[in-house]
PDB file of N, CA and C in Angstrom:
ATOM      1  N   UNK A   1     -11.197  27.093   3.219  1.00  0.00           N
ATOM      2  CA  UNK A   1     -11.842  27.468   4.455  1.00  0.00           C
ATOM      3  C   UNK A   1     -12.486  28.840   4.353  1.00  0.00           C
ATOM      4  N   UNK A   2     -12.163  29.584   3.354  1.00  0.00           N
ATOM      5  CA  UNK A   2     -12.733  30.922   3.243  1.00  0.00           C
ATOM      6  C   UNK A   2     -14.239  30.893   3.018  1.00  0.00           C
ATOM      7  N   UNK A   3     -14.699  29.897   2.255  1.00  0.00           N
ATOM      8  CA  UNK A   3     -16.128  29.851   1.942  1.00  0.00           C
ATOM      9  C   UNK A   3     -16.900  28.937   2.882  1.00  0.00           C
ATOM     10  N   UNK A   4     -16.198  28.027   3.541  1.00  0.00           N
ATOM     11  CA  UNK A   4     -16.875  27.057   4.391  1.00  0.00           C
ATOM     12  C   UNK A   4     -17.639  26.014   3.589  1.00  0.00           C
ATOM     13  N   UNK A   5     -17.356  25.915   2.299  1.00  0.00           N
ATOM     14  CA  UNK A   5     -18.049  24.992   1.406  1.00  0.00           C
ATOM     15  C   UNK A   5     -17.345  23.641   1.386  1.00  0.00           C
ATOM     16  N   UNK A   6     -18.107  22.552   1.516  1.00  0.00           N
ATOM     17  CA  UNK A   6     -17.560  21.201   1.423  1.00  0.00           C
ATOM     18  C   UNK A   6     -17.133  20.938  -0.011  1.00  0.00           C
ATOM     19  N   UNK A   7     -15.866  20.521  -0.194  1.00  0.00           N
ATOM     20  CA  UNK A   7     -15.341  20.288  -1.532  1.00  0.00           C
ATOM     21  C   UNK A   7     -15.338  18.827  -1.933  1.00  0.00           C
ATOM     22  N   UNK A   8     -15.094  17.940  -0.971  1.00  0.00           N
ATOM     23  CA  UNK A   8     -15.001  16.526  -1.305  1.00  0.00           C
ATOM     24  C   UNK A   8     -15.180  15.685  -0.049  1.00  0.00           C
ATOM     25  N   UNK A   9     -15.562  14.426  -0.230  1.00  0.00           N
ATOM     26  CA  UNK A   9     -15.664  13.460   0.862  1.00  0.00           C
ATOM     27  C   UNK A   9     -14.847  12.241   0.461  1.00  0.00           C
ATOM     28  N   UNK A  10     -13.910  11.851   1.323  1.00  0.00           N
ATOM     29  CA  UNK A  10     -13.125  10.638   1.091  1.00  0.00           C
ATOM     30  C   UNK A  10     -13.699   9.557   1.983  1.00  0.00           C
ATOM     31  N   UNK A  11     -14.204   8.505   1.375  1.00  0.00           N
ATOM     32  CA  UNK A  11     -14.767   7.419   2.178  1.00  0.00           C
ATOM     33  C   UNK A  11     -14.239   6.087   1.656  1.00  0.00           C
ATOM     34  N   UNK A  12     -13.784   5.282   2.589  1.00  0.00           N
ATOM     35  CA  UNK A  12     -13.294   3.954   2.241  1.00  0.00           C
ATOM     36  C   UNK A  12     -13.089   3.117   3.479  1.00  0.00           C
ATOM     37  N   UNK A  13     -12.833   3.751   4.618  1.00  0.00           N
ATOM     38  CA  UNK A  13     -12.627   3.004   5.858  1.00  0.00           C
ATOM     39  C   UNK A  13     -13.930   2.356   6.317  1.00  0.00           C
ATOM     40  N   UNK A  14     -13.803   1.188   6.951  1.00  0.00           N
ATOM     41  CA  UNK A  14     -14.973   0.497   7.481  1.00  0.00           C
ATOM     42  C   UNK A  14     -15.072   0.620   8.996  1.00  0.00           C
ATOM     43  N   UNK A  15     -14.137   1.346   9.603  1.00  0.00           N
ATOM     44  CA  UNK A  15     -14.135   1.577  11.046  1.00  0.00           C
ATOM     45  C   UNK A  15     -13.871   3.044  11.316  1.00  0.00           C
ATOM     46  N   UNK A  16     -13.886   3.433  12.596  1.00  0.00           N
ATOM     47  CA  UNK A  16     -13.626   4.833  12.938  1.00  0.00           C
ATOM     48  C   UNK A  16     -12.219   5.268  12.507  1.00  0.00           C
ATOM     49  N   UNK A  17     -12.112   6.489  12.017  1.00  0.00           N
ATOM     50  CA  UNK A  17     -10.823   7.066  11.638  1.00  0.00           C
ATOM     51  C   UNK A  17     -10.181   7.629  12.892  1.00  0.00           C
ATOM     52  N   UNK A  18      -8.920   7.257  13.132  1.00  0.00           N
ATOM     53  CA  UNK A  18      -8.236   7.678  14.352  1.00  0.00           C
ATOM     54  C   UNK A  18      -7.251   8.823  14.131  1.00  0.00           C
ATOM     55  N   UNK A  19      -6.796   9.025  12.890  1.00  0.00           N
ATOM     56  CA  UNK A  19      -5.804  10.063  12.630  1.00  0.00           C
ATOM     57  C   UNK A  19      -5.788  10.403  11.142  1.00  0.00           C
ATOM     58  N   UNK A  20      -5.522  11.667  10.828  1.00  0.00           N
ATOM     59  CA  UNK A  20      -5.284  12.093   9.447  1.00  0.00           C
ATOM     60  C   UNK A  20      -4.078  13.025   9.437  1.00  0.00           C
ATOM     61  N   UNK A  21      -3.318  12.996   8.339  1.00  0.00           N
ATOM     62  CA  UNK A  21      -2.143  13.852   8.220  1.00  0.00           C
ATOM     63  C   UNK A  21      -1.868  14.148   6.748  1.00  0.00           C
ATOM     64  N   UNK A  22      -1.372  15.357   6.483  1.00  0.00           N
ATOM     65  CA  UNK A  22      -0.969  15.742   5.137  1.00  0.00           C
ATOM     66  C   UNK A  22       0.527  15.551   4.973  1.00  0.00           C
ATOM     67  N   UNK A  23       0.950  15.190   3.749  1.00  0.00           N
ATOM     68  CA  UNK A  23       2.375  15.083   3.471  1.00  0.00           C
ATOM     69  C   UNK A  23       2.988  16.476   3.519  1.00  0.00           C
ATOM     70  N   UNK A  24       4.257  16.568   3.947  1.00  0.00           N
ATOM     71  CA  UNK A  24       4.903  17.884   3.998  1.00  0.00           C
ATOM     72  C   UNK A  24       5.231  18.382   2.594  1.00  0.00           C
ATOM     73  N   UNK A  25       5.346  19.701   2.422  1.00  0.00           N
ATOM     74  CA  UNK A  25       5.772  20.238   1.122  1.00  0.00           C
ATOM     75  C   UNK A  25       7.164  19.727   0.773  1.00  0.00           C
ATOM     76  N   UNK A  26       7.417  19.577  -0.507  1.00  0.00           N
ATOM     77  CA  UNK A  26       8.743  19.154  -0.960  1.00  0.00           C
ATOM     78  C   UNK A  26       9.106  19.907  -2.229  1.00  0.00           C
ATOM     79  N   UNK A  27      10.203  19.554  -2.831  1.00  0.00           N
ATOM     80  CA  UNK A  27      10.670  20.261  -4.029  1.00  0.00           C
ATOM     81  C   UNK A  27       9.703  20.101  -5.205  1.00  0.00           C
ATOM     82  N   UNK A  28       8.946  19.007  -5.229  1.00  0.00           N
ATOM     83  CA  UNK A  28       8.025  18.759  -6.327  1.00  0.00           C
ATOM     84  C   UNK A  28       6.720  19.545  -6.171  1.00  0.00           C
ATOM     85  N   UNK A  29       6.371  19.924  -4.951  1.00  0.00           N
ATOM     86  CA  UNK A  29       5.093  20.560  -4.694  1.00  0.00           C
ATOM     87  C   UNK A  29       5.234  21.545  -3.542  1.00  0.00           C
ATOM     88  N   UNK A  30       4.587  22.691  -3.658  1.00  0.00           N
ATOM     89  CA  UNK A  30       4.652  23.680  -2.584  1.00  0.00           C
ATOM     90  C   UNK A  30       3.723  23.328  -1.433  1.00  0.00           C
ATOM     91  N   UNK A  31       2.767  22.468  -1.668  1.00  0.00           N
ATOM     92  CA  UNK A  31       1.852  22.043  -0.611  1.00  0.00           C
ATOM     93  C   UNK A  31       1.847  20.531  -0.534  1.00  0.00           C
ATOM     94  N   UNK A  32       1.448  19.997   0.599  1.00  0.00           N
ATOM     95  CA  UNK A  32       1.320  18.555   0.717  1.00  0.00           C
ATOM     96  C   UNK A  32       0.132  18.085  -0.099  1.00  0.00           C
ATOM     97  N   UNK A  33       0.357  17.170  -1.013  1.00  0.00           N
ATOM     98  CA  UNK A  33      -0.733  16.724  -1.879  1.00  0.00           C
ATOM     99  C   UNK A  33      -1.247  15.338  -1.513  1.00  0.00           C
ATOM    100  N   UNK A  34      -0.617  14.689  -0.525  1.00  0.00           N
ATOM    101  CA  UNK A  34      -1.051  13.368  -0.105  1.00  0.00           C
ATOM    102  C   UNK A  34      -1.656  13.478   1.292  1.00  0.00           C
ATOM    103  N   UNK A  35      -2.797  12.854   1.469  1.00  0.00           N
ATOM    104  CA  UNK A  35      -3.447  12.769   2.768  1.00  0.00           C
ATOM    105  C   UNK A  35      -3.422  11.308   3.187  1.00  0.00           C
ATOM    106  N   UNK A  36      -3.018  11.041   4.417  1.00  0.00           N
ATOM    107  CA  UNK A  36      -3.050   9.680   4.957  1.00  0.00           C
ATOM    108  C   UNK A  36      -4.054   9.643   6.095  1.00  0.00           C
ATOM    109  N   UNK A  37      -4.854   8.585   6.143  1.00  0.00           N
ATOM    110  CA  UNK A  37      -5.829   8.423   7.220  1.00  0.00           C
ATOM    111  C   UNK A  37      -5.660   7.029   7.824  1.00  0.00           C
ATOM    112  N   UNK A  38      -5.638   6.975   9.148  1.00  0.00           N
ATOM    113  CA  UNK A  38      -5.529   5.684   9.840  1.00  0.00           C
ATOM    114  C   UNK A  38      -6.865   5.364  10.483  1.00  0.00           C
ATOM    115  N   UNK A  39      -7.113   4.074  10.685  1.00  0.00           N
ATOM    116  CA  UNK A  39      -8.415   3.663  11.173  1.00  0.00           C
ATOM    117  C   UNK A  39      -8.336   2.419  12.049  1.00  0.00           C
ATOM    118  N   UNK A  40      -9.392   2.233  12.815  1.00  0.00           N
ATOM    119  CA  UNK A  40      -9.525   1.029  13.625  1.00  0.00           C
ATOM    120  C   UNK A  40      -9.916  -0.173  12.772  1.00  0.00           C
ATOM    121  N   UNK A  41     -10.069   0.012  11.464  1.00  0.00           N
ATOM    122  CA  UNK A  41     -10.321  -1.129  10.573  1.00  0.00           C
ATOM    123  C   UNK A  41      -9.012  -1.816  10.159  1.00  0.00           C
ATOM    124  N   UNK A  42      -7.895  -1.460  10.839  1.00  0.00           N
ATOM    125  CA  UNK A  42      -6.570  -2.049  10.638  1.00  0.00           C
ATOM    126  C   UNK A  42      -5.932  -1.649   9.314  1.00  0.00           C
ATOM    127  N   UNK A  43      -6.277  -0.460   8.813  1.00  0.00           N
ATOM    128  CA  UNK A  43      -5.683   0.025   7.569  1.00  0.00           C
ATOM    129  C   UNK A  43      -5.272   1.488   7.690  1.00  0.00           C
ATOM    130  N   UNK A  44      -4.362   1.854   6.805  1.00  0.00           N
ATOM    131  CA  UNK A  44      -4.045   3.252   6.537  1.00  0.00           C
ATOM    132  C   UNK A  44      -4.323   3.440   5.061  1.00  0.00           C
ATOM    133  N   UNK A  45      -5.043   4.484   4.730  1.00  0.00           N
ATOM    134  CA  UNK A  45      -5.340   4.796   3.330  1.00  0.00           C
ATOM    135  C   UNK A  45      -4.576   6.054   2.959  1.00  0.00           C
ATOM    136  N   UNK A  46      -4.002   6.077   1.761  1.00  0.00           N
ATOM    137  CA  UNK A  46      -3.366   7.279   1.257  1.00  0.00           C
ATOM    138  C   UNK A  46      -4.197   7.806   0.094  1.00  0.00           C
ATOM    139  N   UNK A  47      -4.341   9.122   0.060  1.00  0.00           N
ATOM    140  CA  UNK A  47      -5.216   9.797  -0.901  1.00  0.00           C
ATOM    141  C   UNK A  47      -4.447  10.900  -1.622  1.00  0.00           C
ATOM    142  N   UNK A  48      -4.681  11.042  -2.912  1.00  0.00           N
ATOM    143  CA  UNK A  48      -4.165  12.187  -3.662  1.00  0.00           C
ATOM    144  C   UNK A  48      -5.271  13.229  -3.659  1.00  0.00           C
ATOM    145  N   UNK A  49      -5.083  14.298  -2.903  1.00  0.00           N
ATOM    146  CA  UNK A  49      -6.185  15.248  -2.711  1.00  0.00           C
ATOM    147  C   UNK A  49      -6.457  16.116  -3.929  1.00  0.00           C
ATOM    148  N   UNK A  50      -5.534  16.147  -4.896  1.00  0.00           N
ATOM    149  CA  UNK A  50      -5.744  16.962  -6.088  1.00  0.00           C
ATOM    150  C   UNK A  50      -6.120  16.138  -7.312  1.00  0.00           C
ATOM    151  N   UNK A  51      -6.276  14.837  -7.159  1.00  0.00           N
ATOM    152  CA  UNK A  51      -6.622  13.970  -8.288  1.00  0.00           C
ATOM    153  C   UNK A  51      -8.046  14.251  -8.747  1.00  0.00           C
ATOM    154  N   UNK A  52      -8.241  14.277 -10.038  1.00  0.00           N
ATOM    155  CA  UNK A  52      -9.575  14.499 -10.602  1.00  0.00           C
ATOM    156  C   UNK A  52     -10.365  13.194 -10.715  1.00  0.00           C
ATOM    157  N   UNK A  53      -9.655  12.058 -10.664  1.00  0.00           N
ATOM    158  CA  UNK A  53     -10.332  10.771 -10.754  1.00  0.00           C
ATOM    159  C   UNK A  53     -10.400  10.175  -9.352  1.00  0.00           C
ATOM    160  N   UNK A  54     -10.142   8.907  -9.204  1.00  0.00           N
ATOM    161  CA  UNK A  54     -10.174   8.261  -7.896  1.00  0.00           C
ATOM    162  C   UNK A  54      -9.079   8.834  -7.008  1.00  0.00           C
ATOM    163  N   UNK A  55      -9.466   9.316  -5.819  1.00  0.00           N
ATOM    164  CA  UNK A  55      -8.515   9.929  -4.910  1.00  0.00           C
ATOM    165  C   UNK A  55      -7.682   8.893  -4.154  1.00  0.00           C
ATOM    166  N   UNK A  56      -8.211   7.671  -3.964  1.00  0.00           N
ATOM    167  CA  UNK A  56      -7.524   6.650  -3.183  1.00  0.00           C
ATOM    168  C   UNK A  56      -6.300   6.144  -3.938  1.00  0.00           C
ATOM    169  N   UNK A  57      -5.136   6.244  -3.287  1.00  0.00           N
ATOM    170  CA  UNK A  57      -3.901   5.769  -3.911  1.00  0.00           C
ATOM    171  C   UNK A  57      -3.618   4.334  -3.502  1.00  0.00           C
ATOM    172  N   UNK A  58      -3.606   4.101  -2.171  1.00  0.00           N
ATOM    173  CA  UNK A  58      -3.210   2.785  -1.687  1.00  0.00           C
ATOM    174  C   UNK A  58      -3.787   2.524  -0.302  1.00  0.00           C
ATOM    175  N   UNK A  59      -3.964   1.229  -0.006  1.00  0.00           N
ATOM    176  CA  UNK A  59      -4.363   0.789   1.321  1.00  0.00           C
ATOM    177  C   UNK A  59      -3.214   0.006   1.933  1.00  0.00           C
ATOM    178  N   UNK A  60      -2.779   0.415   3.126  1.00  0.00           N
ATOM    179  CA  UNK A  60      -1.692  -0.251   3.835  1.00  0.00           C
ATOM    180  C   UNK A  60      -2.295  -1.071   4.965  1.00  0.00           C
ATOM    181  N   UNK A  61      -2.213  -2.388   4.857  1.00  0.00           N
ATOM    182  CA  UNK A  61      -2.811  -3.305   5.828  1.00  0.00           C
ATOM    183  C   UNK A  61      -1.946  -3.452   7.065  1.00  0.00           C
ATOM    184  N   UNK A  62      -2.580  -3.562   8.238  1.00  0.00           N
ATOM    185  CA  UNK A  62      -1.899  -3.779   9.511  1.00  0.00           C
ATOM    186  C   UNK A  62      -2.540  -4.971  10.225  1.00  0.00           C
ATOM    187  N   UNK A  63      -1.873  -5.487  11.254  1.00  0.00           N
ATOM    188  CA  UNK A  63      -2.390  -6.640  11.993  1.00  0.00           C
ATOM    189  C   UNK A  63      -3.178  -6.234  13.232  1.00  0.00           C
ATOM    190  N   UNK A  64      -3.301  -4.935  13.481  1.00  0.00           N
ATOM    191  CA  UNK A  64      -4.016  -4.419  14.636  1.00  0.00           C
ATOM    192  C   UNK A  64      -4.598  -3.054  14.275  1.00  0.00           C
ATOM    193  N   UNK A  65      -5.475  -2.535  15.130  1.00  0.00           N
ATOM    194  CA  UNK A  65      -6.072  -1.227  14.889  1.00  0.00           C
ATOM    195  C   UNK A  65      -4.978  -0.164  14.812  1.00  0.00           C
ATOM    196  N   UNK A  66      -5.069   0.728  13.831  1.00  0.00           N
ATOM    197  CA  UNK A  66      -4.051   1.758  13.648  1.00  0.00           C
ATOM    198  C   UNK A  66      -4.462   2.996  14.436  1.00  0.00           C
ATOM    199  N   UNK A  67      -3.550   3.436  15.308  1.00  0.00           N
ATOM    200  CA  UNK A  67      -3.842   4.557  16.201  1.00  0.00           C
ATOM    201  C   UNK A  67      -3.424   5.884  15.578  1.00  0.00           C
ATOM    202  N   UNK A  68      -2.213   5.950  15.012  1.00  0.00           N
ATOM    203  CA  UNK A  68      -1.733   7.200  14.428  1.00  0.00           C
ATOM    204  C   UNK A  68      -0.978   6.955  13.132  1.00  0.00           C
ATOM    205  N   UNK A  69      -0.920   7.989  12.329  1.00  0.00           N
ATOM    206  CA  UNK A  69      -0.067   8.006  11.146  1.00  0.00           C
ATOM    207  C   UNK A  69       0.488   9.417  11.021  1.00  0.00           C
ATOM    208  N   UNK A  70       1.737   9.503  10.596  1.00  0.00           N
ATOM    209  CA  UNK A  70       2.403  10.804  10.485  1.00  0.00           C
ATOM    210  C   UNK A  70       3.495  10.711   9.434  1.00  0.00           C
ATOM    211  N   UNK A  71       3.549  11.688   8.538  1.00  0.00           N
ATOM    212  CA  UNK A  71       4.628  11.730   7.560  1.00  0.00           C
ATOM    213  C   UNK A  71       5.905  12.195   8.243  1.00  0.00           C
ATOM    214  N   UNK A  72       7.026  11.602   7.821  1.00  0.00           N
ATOM    215  CA  UNK A  72       8.323  12.007   8.364  1.00  0.00           C
ATOM    216  C   UNK A  72       8.564  13.457   7.941  1.00  0.00           C
ATOM    217  N   UNK A  73       9.010  14.317   8.852  1.00  0.00           N
ATOM    218  CA  UNK A  73       9.144  15.737   8.514  1.00  0.00           C
ATOM    219  C   UNK A  73      10.259  16.060   7.519  1.00  0.00           C
ATOM    220  N   UNK A  74      11.282  15.209   7.416  1.00  0.00           N
ATOM    221  CA  UNK A  74      12.403  15.537   6.522  1.00  0.00           C
ATOM    222  C   UNK A  74      12.687  14.489   5.456  1.00  0.00           C
ATOM    223  N   UNK A  75      12.244  13.262   5.647  1.00  0.00           N
ATOM    224  CA  UNK A  75      12.503  12.213   4.655  1.00  0.00           C
ATOM    225  C   UNK A  75      11.294  12.099   3.737  1.00  0.00           C
ATOM    226  N   UNK A  76      11.502  12.417   2.474  1.00  0.00           N
ATOM    227  CA  UNK A  76      10.427  12.420   1.491  1.00  0.00           C
ATOM    228  C   UNK A  76       9.794  11.034   1.354  1.00  0.00           C
ATOM    229  N   UNK A  77       8.483  10.989   1.270  1.00  0.00           N
ATOM    230  CA  UNK A  77       7.703   9.774   1.009  1.00  0.00           C
ATOM    231  C   UNK A  77       7.730   8.741   2.122  1.00  0.00           C
ATOM    232  N   UNK A  78       8.072   9.111   3.352  1.00  0.00           N
ATOM    233  CA  UNK A  78       8.073   8.148   4.453  1.00  0.00           C
ATOM    234  C   UNK A  78       6.909   8.446   5.393  1.00  0.00           C
ATOM    235  N   UNK A  79       6.158   7.400   5.714  1.00  0.00           N
ATOM    236  CA  UNK A  79       4.993   7.498   6.589  1.00  0.00           C
ATOM    237  C   UNK A  79       5.208   6.566   7.778  1.00  0.00           C
ATOM    238  N   UNK A  80       4.994   7.074   8.974  1.00  0.00           N
ATOM    239  CA  UNK A  80       5.152   6.287  10.193  1.00  0.00           C
ATOM    240  C   UNK A  80       3.758   6.000  10.743  1.00  0.00           C
ATOM    241  N   UNK A  81       3.500   4.724  11.078  1.00  0.00           N
ATOM    242  CA  UNK A  81       2.207   4.355  11.656  1.00  0.00           C
ATOM    243  C   UNK A  81       2.435   3.581  12.955  1.00  0.00           C
ATOM    244  N   UNK A  82       1.485   3.715  13.876  1.00  0.00           N
ATOM    245  CA  UNK A  82       1.535   2.952  15.125  1.00  0.00           C
ATOM    246  C   UNK A  82       0.196   2.263  15.328  1.00  0.00           C
ATOM    247  N   UNK A  83       0.240   1.104  16.002  1.00  0.00           N
ATOM    248  CA  UNK A  83      -0.978   0.321  16.187  1.00  0.00           C
ATOM    249  C   UNK A  83      -1.307   0.150  17.665  1.00  0.00           C
ATOM    250  N   UNK A  84      -2.541  -0.215  17.916  1.00  0.00           N
ATOM    251  CA  UNK A  84      -3.001  -0.502  19.271  1.00  0.00           C
ATOM    252  C   UNK A  84      -2.250  -1.698  19.849  1.00  0.00           C
ATOM    253  N   UNK A  85      -1.741  -2.570  18.999  1.00  0.00           N
ATOM    254  CA  UNK A  85      -0.964  -3.731  19.419  1.00  0.00           C
ATOM    255  C   UNK A  85       0.469  -3.397  19.804  1.00  0.00           C
ATOM    256  N   UNK A  86       0.858  -2.113  19.747  1.00  0.00           N
ATOM    257  CA  UNK A  86       2.184  -1.693  20.164  1.00  0.00           C
ATOM    258  C   UNK A  86       3.244  -1.742  19.076  1.00  0.00           C
ATOM    259  N   UNK A  87       2.852  -1.889  17.828  1.00  0.00           N
ATOM    260  CA  UNK A  87       3.811  -1.947  16.733  1.00  0.00           C
ATOM    261  C   UNK A  87       3.968  -0.570  16.078  1.00  0.00           C
ATOM    262  N   UNK A  88       5.146  -0.332  15.497  1.00  0.00           N
ATOM    263  CA  UNK A  88       5.403   0.874  14.733  1.00  0.00           C
ATOM    264  C   UNK A  88       5.930   0.445  13.369  1.00  0.00           C
ATOM    265  N   UNK A  89       5.412   1.065  12.326  1.00  0.00           N
ATOM    266  CA  UNK A  89       5.814   0.738  10.951  1.00  0.00           C
ATOM    267  C   UNK A  89       6.318   1.982  10.248  1.00  0.00           C
ATOM    268  N   UNK A  90       7.290   1.808   9.377  1.00  0.00           N
ATOM    269  CA  UNK A  90       7.800   2.869   8.525  1.00  0.00           C
ATOM    270  C   UNK A  90       7.523   2.451   7.085  1.00  0.00           C
ATOM    271  N   UNK A  91       6.722   3.236   6.387  1.00  0.00           N
ATOM    272  CA  UNK A  91       6.291   2.902   5.026  1.00  0.00           C
ATOM    273  C   UNK A  91       6.909   3.869   4.021  1.00  0.00           C
ATOM    274  N   UNK A  92       7.281   3.353   2.864  1.00  0.00           N
ATOM    275  CA  UNK A  92       7.643   4.192   1.722  1.00  0.00           C
ATOM    276  C   UNK A  92       6.353   4.373   0.939  1.00  0.00           C
ATOM    277  N   UNK A  93       5.844   5.601   0.865  1.00  0.00           N
ATOM    278  CA  UNK A  93       4.533   5.811   0.246  1.00  0.00           C
ATOM    279  C   UNK A  93       4.544   5.611  -1.251  1.00  0.00           C
ATOM    280  N   UNK A  94       5.702   5.638  -1.883  1.00  0.00           N
ATOM    281  CA  UNK A  94       5.755   5.388  -3.315  1.00  0.00           C
ATOM    282  C   UNK A  94       5.796   3.884  -3.614  1.00  0.00           C
ATOM    283  N   UNK A  95       6.458   3.114  -2.757  1.00  0.00           N
ATOM    284  CA  UNK A  95       6.588   1.678  -2.985  1.00  0.00           C
ATOM    285  C   UNK A  95       5.543   0.864  -2.242  1.00  0.00           C
ATOM    286  N   UNK A  96       4.952   1.446  -1.187  1.00  0.00           N
ATOM    287  CA  UNK A  96       3.960   0.725  -0.393  1.00  0.00           C
ATOM    288  C   UNK A  96       4.609  -0.270   0.524  1.00  0.00           C
TER     289      UNK A  96
END
């Protein structure tokens, strides 16, 4: 943010993005290195923001538009998602 220079663009969703969140720091990394984005295209995408090759790690399919996604604050590798259909999912980001 110091330079205001665009560093990268992550594109893969086919609908509007409704939420983005960074993974919390853990013992393996001082900063969150995973970005999760939820979308009305019924998916959540996880991205490795420091990867030099393809940033997209995985696509998590849902049965309804995804409203929010949030990493669990204390449980490593857990992502919580909610849908417009009223469902809540708990994902293990390493196992998918």
